[in-house]
């Protein structure tokens, strides 16, 4: 067994690593671009009154056949992978010094979950490059069906849905309280950029709150009704909005919010403490 001093040295090395910082910044910028791609497609649906909304993978799949589209997809795959590495390091090595109390562990668990999610998105982007495409809503159905058939599967799906609803509540809180500003080196920004960053953060977190709430509610419903077809992803959550009364207005508002979140992430890539 290696001594505690060795583990402490490894932790300190990871905390001070410039490569981890660069991975985080590149990943944040890529995350922002991905949200902008999703928002652009949703805005086209809202303005045109037809078509299908898309999630991150669907937006990339749309661009797979464009000239040099593979370059964008390869960069996004690398960016998602970089973001995943940064989040996983945050969770495992406590790079942000959240601590081991319940609040700190909850924050680190969220970072771990986000790291695993973006690792899966990176794999999905690589699959598009390899020509295997994406599954969209059918993929959500399949994964949910597999989990539902596990022992305590309904509880697992229900817990996942509740956790996503919780993430929506957290995003709403961050929008209302402005707590997202704590992560930013605002002193490095000029006076004109700061108000825009705050506006992007508020609108973006509200939009994410709406989408997460929708996805979570339908996942809980899938567990309650034992029906994997009730599970939806980002693309179907946006499509649900489009089908509501004044759906074009609702979808357009959320799409603009997601675009704002994309710009928020891009600003973070430069000014956030990572």
Protein backbone atom coordinates (compact mmCIF):
# COMPACT_ATOMS: atom_id res chain seq x y z
CA UNK A 1 0.00 0.00 0.00
CA UNK A 2 1.38 3.40 -0.93
CA UNK A 3 1.76 5.98 1.81
CA UNK A 4 -0.68 8.84 2.34
CA UNK A 5 2.10 11.27 1.40
CA UNK A 6 2.20 9.80 -2.10
CA UNK A 7 -1.56 10.18 -2.52
CA UNK A 8 -1.35 13.74 -1.26
CA UNK A 9 1.43 14.49 -3.76
CA UNK A 10 -0.65 13.05 -6.61
CA UNK A 11 -3.66 15.13 -5.51
CA UNK A 12 -1.60 18.30 -5.37
CA UNK A 13 -0.12 17.57 -8.80
CA UNK A 14 -3.61 17.11 -10.28
CA UNK A 15 -4.90 20.27 -8.58
CA UNK A 16 -2.08 22.33 -10.07
CA UNK A 17 -2.08 20.69 -13.51
CA UNK A 18 -2.26 23.15 -16.37
CA UNK A 19 -3.52 20.35 -18.62
CA UNK A 20 -6.58 19.85 -16.43
CA UNK A 21 -7.25 23.58 -16.57
CA UNK A 22 -6.91 23.58 -20.36
CA UNK A 23 -9.19 20.56 -20.62
CA UNK A 24 -11.80 22.36 -18.55
CA UNK A 25 -11.65 25.53 -20.64
CA UNK A 26 -11.74 23.70 -23.96
CA UNK A 27 -14.58 21.53 -22.66
CA UNK A 28 -16.61 24.54 -21.53
CA UNK A 29 -16.20 26.19 -24.93
CA UNK A 30 -17.30 22.96 -26.66
CA UNK A 31 -20.28 22.63 -24.34
CA UNK A 32 -21.28 26.17 -25.30
CA UNK A 33 -21.03 25.42 -29.02
CA UNK A 34 -23.14 22.27 -28.58
CA UNK A 35 -25.90 24.22 -26.82
CA UNK A 36 -25.82 26.82 -29.58
CA UNK A 37 -26.27 24.10 -32.22
CA UNK A 38 -29.29 22.68 -30.37
CA UNK A 39 -30.75 26.17 -29.91
CA UNK A 40 -30.36 27.04 -33.61
CA UNK A 41 -32.31 23.93 -34.65
CA UNK A 42 -35.03 24.61 -32.05
CA UNK A 43 -35.34 28.22 -33.19
CA UNK A 44 -35.77 27.09 -36.80
CA UNK A 45 -38.60 24.79 -35.68
CA UNK A 46 -40.21 27.57 -33.62
CA UNK A 47 -40.03 30.13 -36.45
CA UNK A 48 -40.96 27.72 -39.22
CA UNK A 49 -43.68 25.93 -37.30
CA UNK A 50 -42.50 22.48 -38.35
CA UNK A 51 -39.67 19.98 -38.32
CA UNK A 52 -38.05 18.16 -35.43
CA UNK A 53 -36.02 19.45 -32.52
CA UNK A 54 -32.70 17.77 -31.75
CA UNK A 55 -30.45 17.02 -28.83
CA UNK A 56 -26.66 17.38 -28.83
CA UNK A 57 -26.10 14.16 -30.76
CA UNK A 58 -28.89 14.87 -33.21
CA UNK A 59 -27.50 18.33 -33.94
CA UNK A 60 -24.11 16.75 -34.68
CA UNK A 61 -25.69 14.01 -36.81
CA UNK A 62 -27.35 16.71 -38.93
CA UNK A 63 -23.93 18.16 -39.70
CA UNK A 64 -22.25 14.84 -40.43
CA UNK A 65 -23.06 15.10 -44.15
CA UNK A 66 -22.01 18.74 -44.51
CA UNK A 67 -18.64 19.62 -46.11
CA UNK A 68 -15.96 19.21 -43.46
CA UNK A 69 -18.69 18.33 -40.96
CA UNK A 70 -16.45 15.57 -39.62
CA UNK A 71 -13.98 18.22 -38.44
CA UNK A 72 -16.64 19.85 -36.25
CA UNK A 73 -17.76 16.48 -34.90
CA UNK A 74 -14.17 15.44 -34.14
CA UNK A 75 -13.55 18.70 -32.27
CA UNK A 76 -16.80 18.29 -30.32
CA UNK A 77 -15.87 14.70 -29.42
CA UNK A 78 -12.50 15.94 -28.16
CA UNK A 79 -14.15 18.81 -26.30
CA UNK A 80 -16.75 16.60 -24.63
CA UNK A 81 -13.99 14.21 -23.62
CA UNK A 82 -11.96 17.10 -22.20
CA UNK A 83 -14.97 18.35 -20.26
CA UNK A 84 -15.57 14.85 -18.90
CA UNK A 85 -11.96 14.56 -17.72
CA UNK A 86 -12.15 17.94 -15.98
CA UNK A 87 -15.41 17.10 -14.20
CA UNK A 88 -14.22 13.64 -13.15
CA UNK A 89 -10.99 15.08 -11.75
CA UNK A 90 -13.03 17.67 -9.84
CA UNK A 91 -15.16 14.92 -8.34
CA UNK A 92 -12.40 12.44 -7.48
CA UNK A 93 -9.62 14.81 -6.38
CA UNK A 94 -11.85 17.60 -5.03
CA UNK A 95 -10.05 20.19 -7.15
CA UNK A 96 -12.55 22.87 -6.05
CA UNK A 97 -12.08 21.94 -2.37
CA UNK A 98 -15.76 21.24 -1.75
CA UNK A 99 -14.87 19.01 1.20
CA UNK A 100 -16.24 15.71 2.53
CA UNK A 101 -19.29 17.06 4.36
CA UNK A 102 -22.76 16.18 2.97
CA UNK A 103 -22.98 19.40 0.94
CA UNK A 104 -19.51 18.93 -0.52
CA UNK A 105 -20.11 15.27 -1.35
CA UNK A 106 -23.42 16.17 -3.04
CA UNK A 107 -21.63 18.77 -5.18
CA UNK A 108 -18.92 16.29 -6.10
CA UNK A 109 -21.53 13.64 -6.92
CA UNK A 110 -23.08 16.11 -9.35
CA UNK A 111 -19.67 16.70 -10.94
CA UNK A 112 -19.17 12.95 -11.22
CA UNK A 113 -22.55 12.51 -12.89
CA UNK A 114 -21.86 15.34 -15.34
CA UNK A 115 -18.45 13.87 -16.12
CA UNK A 116 -19.98 10.49 -16.94
CA UNK A 117 -22.69 12.14 -19.03
CA UNK A 118 -20.20 14.05 -21.17
CA UNK A 119 -18.02 10.96 -21.50
CA UNK A 120 -21.09 9.24 -22.98
CA UNK A 121 -21.69 12.24 -25.28
CA UNK A 122 -18.07 12.03 -26.43
CA UNK A 123 -18.57 8.35 -27.25
CA UNK A 124 -21.76 9.27 -29.13
CA UNK A 125 -19.88 11.85 -31.20
CA UNK A 126 -17.19 9.27 -31.99
CA UNK A 127 -19.95 6.85 -33.04
CA UNK A 128 -21.23 9.46 -35.50
CA UNK A 129 -17.72 9.80 -36.91
CA UNK A 130 -17.55 6.02 -37.25
CA UNK A 131 -20.84 6.05 -39.15
CA UNK A 132 -23.03 4.26 -36.60
CA UNK A 133 -25.24 7.32 -36.01
CA UNK A 134 -27.40 8.00 -32.98
CA UNK A 135 -30.55 6.56 -31.46
CA UNK A 136 -32.48 9.66 -30.39
CA UNK A 137 -35.66 8.96 -28.48
CA UNK A 138 -35.46 5.23 -29.29
CA UNK A 139 -32.18 5.12 -27.38
CA UNK A 140 -33.83 6.64 -24.29
CA UNK A 141 -36.63 4.08 -24.60
CA UNK A 142 -34.15 1.21 -24.87
CA UNK A 143 -31.99 2.28 -21.93
CA UNK A 144 -35.06 2.89 -19.76
CA UNK A 145 -36.52 -0.50 -20.71
CA UNK A 146 -33.28 -2.26 -19.75
CA UNK A 147 -33.12 -0.49 -16.39
CA UNK A 148 -36.81 -1.11 -15.67
CA UNK A 149 -36.21 -4.85 -16.03
CA UNK A 150 -33.46 -4.82 -13.41
CA UNK A 151 -34.16 -5.64 -9.75
CA UNK A 152 -35.54 -2.43 -8.22
CA UNK A 153 -35.47 -1.04 -11.76
CA UNK A 154 -38.55 1.12 -11.31
CA UNK A 155 -36.98 2.68 -8.24
CA UNK A 156 -33.75 3.32 -10.13
CA UNK A 157 -35.56 5.02 -13.02
CA UNK A 158 -37.72 7.00 -10.61
CA UNK A 159 -34.67 8.08 -8.63
CA UNK A 160 -32.92 9.17 -11.86
CA UNK A 161 -35.97 11.19 -12.83
CA UNK A 162 -36.14 12.81 -9.39
CA UNK A 163 -32.42 13.63 -9.60
CA UNK A 164 -32.92 15.33 -12.98
CA UNK A 165 -35.85 17.31 -11.56
CA UNK A 166 -33.52 18.26 -8.69
CA UNK A 167 -30.96 19.45 -11.22
CA UNK A 168 -33.68 21.61 -12.74
CA UNK A 169 -34.46 23.10 -9.34
CA UNK A 170 -30.75 23.80 -8.80
CA UNK A 171 -30.57 25.58 -12.16
CA UNK A 172 -33.62 27.67 -11.28
CA UNK A 173 -32.03 28.57 -7.94
CA UNK A 174 -28.77 29.55 -9.64
CA UNK A 175 -30.74 31.76 -12.04
CA UNK A 176 -32.69 33.51 -9.28
CA UNK A 177 -29.82 33.86 -6.79
CA UNK A 178 -27.07 34.61 -9.32
CA UNK A 179 -24.85 32.08 -7.51
CA UNK A 180 -23.25 31.13 -10.84
CA UNK A 181 -21.26 34.37 -10.54
CA UNK A 182 -19.19 32.90 -7.70
CA UNK A 183 -17.26 30.75 -10.19
CA UNK A 184 -16.24 33.69 -12.38
CA UNK A 185 -13.24 35.98 -12.14
CA UNK A 186 -15.39 39.06 -12.67
CA UNK A 187 -12.51 41.38 -11.84
CA UNK A 188 -10.86 40.23 -15.09
CA UNK A 189 -13.87 41.29 -17.18
CA UNK A 190 -14.52 44.78 -18.45
CA UNK A 191 -17.61 46.66 -17.33
CA UNK A 192 -19.48 46.10 -20.60
CA UNK A 193 -19.01 42.31 -20.63
CA UNK A 194 -20.20 41.67 -17.06
CA UNK A 195 -23.90 42.62 -17.54
CA UNK A 196 -24.11 40.45 -20.66
CA UNK A 197 -22.56 37.52 -18.83
CA UNK A 198 -25.09 37.87 -16.01
CA UNK A 199 -27.98 38.08 -18.49
CA UNK A 200 -26.75 34.98 -20.33
CA UNK A 201 -26.40 33.13 -17.03
CA UNK A 202 -29.89 33.97 -15.77
CA UNK A 203 -31.66 33.17 -19.07
CA UNK A 204 -29.57 30.06 -19.69
CA UNK A 205 -30.12 28.55 -16.25
CA UNK A 206 -33.87 29.20 -16.45
CA UNK A 207 -34.02 27.44 -19.83
CA UNK A 208 -32.08 24.46 -18.48
CA UNK A 209 -34.42 24.35 -15.48
CA UNK A 210 -37.42 24.02 -17.79
CA UNK A 211 -35.85 21.29 -19.93
CA UNK A 212 -34.51 19.29 -16.96
CA UNK A 213 -37.90 19.47 -15.24
CA UNK A 214 -39.64 18.10 -18.34
CA UNK A 215 -37.15 15.27 -18.83
CA UNK A 216 -37.28 14.37 -15.13
CA UNK A 217 -41.08 14.39 -14.90
CA UNK A 218 -41.43 12.06 -17.89
CA UNK A 219 -38.76 9.74 -16.50
CA UNK A 220 -40.61 9.52 -13.18
CA UNK A 221 -43.79 8.86 -15.18
CA UNK A 222 -42.03 6.05 -17.04
CA UNK A 223 -41.15 4.45 -13.70
CA UNK A 224 -44.65 4.95 -12.28
CA UNK A 225 -46.41 3.52 -15.34
CA UNK A 226 -43.70 0.91 -16.04
CA UNK A 227 -43.58 2.21 -19.61
CA UNK A 228 -40.17 3.04 -21.14
CA UNK A 229 -41.91 4.88 -23.98
CA UNK A 230 -42.63 7.70 -21.53
CA UNK A 231 -38.89 8.47 -21.19
CA UNK A 232 -37.72 11.47 -23.19
CA UNK A 233 -34.47 13.30 -23.83
CA UNK A 234 -33.57 16.89 -24.61
CA UNK A 235 -34.92 16.68 -28.17
CA UNK A 236 -38.33 15.34 -27.14
CA UNK A 237 -38.55 17.78 -24.22
CA UNK A 238 -38.25 20.63 -26.72
CA UNK A 239 -40.78 18.94 -28.99
CA UNK A 240 -43.23 18.70 -26.07
CA UNK A 241 -42.97 22.47 -25.66
CA UNK A 242 -43.66 22.94 -29.37
CA UNK A 243 -46.88 20.92 -29.02
CA UNK A 244 -48.32 23.06 -26.22
CA UNK A 245 -50.65 26.04 -26.72
CA UNK A 246 -48.49 28.93 -27.88
CA UNK A 247 -45.89 26.21 -28.48
CA UNK A 248 -43.87 28.20 -31.01
CA UNK A 249 -43.53 31.03 -28.50
CA UNK A 250 -42.57 28.65 -25.66
CA UNK A 251 -40.09 26.74 -27.80
CA UNK A 252 -38.58 29.96 -29.14
CA UNK A 253 -38.16 31.37 -25.62
CA UNK A 254 -36.48 28.20 -24.33
CA UNK A 255 -34.32 28.00 -27.48
CA UNK A 256 -33.13 31.56 -26.90
CA UNK A 257 -32.41 30.60 -23.29
CA UNK A 258 -30.36 27.59 -24.39
CA UNK A 259 -28.47 29.84 -26.82
CA UNK A 260 -27.80 32.20 -23.91
CA UNK A 261 -26.49 29.26 -21.88
CA UNK A 262 -24.19 28.34 -24.76
CA UNK A 263 -22.77 31.89 -24.78
CA UNK A 264 -22.54 31.73 -20.98
CA UNK A 265 -20.37 28.59 -21.26
CA UNK A 266 -18.14 30.22 -23.86
CA UNK A 267 -17.57 33.21 -21.56
CA UNK A 268 -16.85 30.79 -18.71
CA UNK A 269 -14.23 29.09 -20.84
CA UNK A 270 -12.17 32.25 -20.56
CA UNK A 271 -13.04 33.70 -17.17
CA UNK A 272 -14.08 30.81 -14.90
CA UNK A 273 -11.83 29.49 -12.16
CA UNK A 274 -11.07 25.95 -13.31
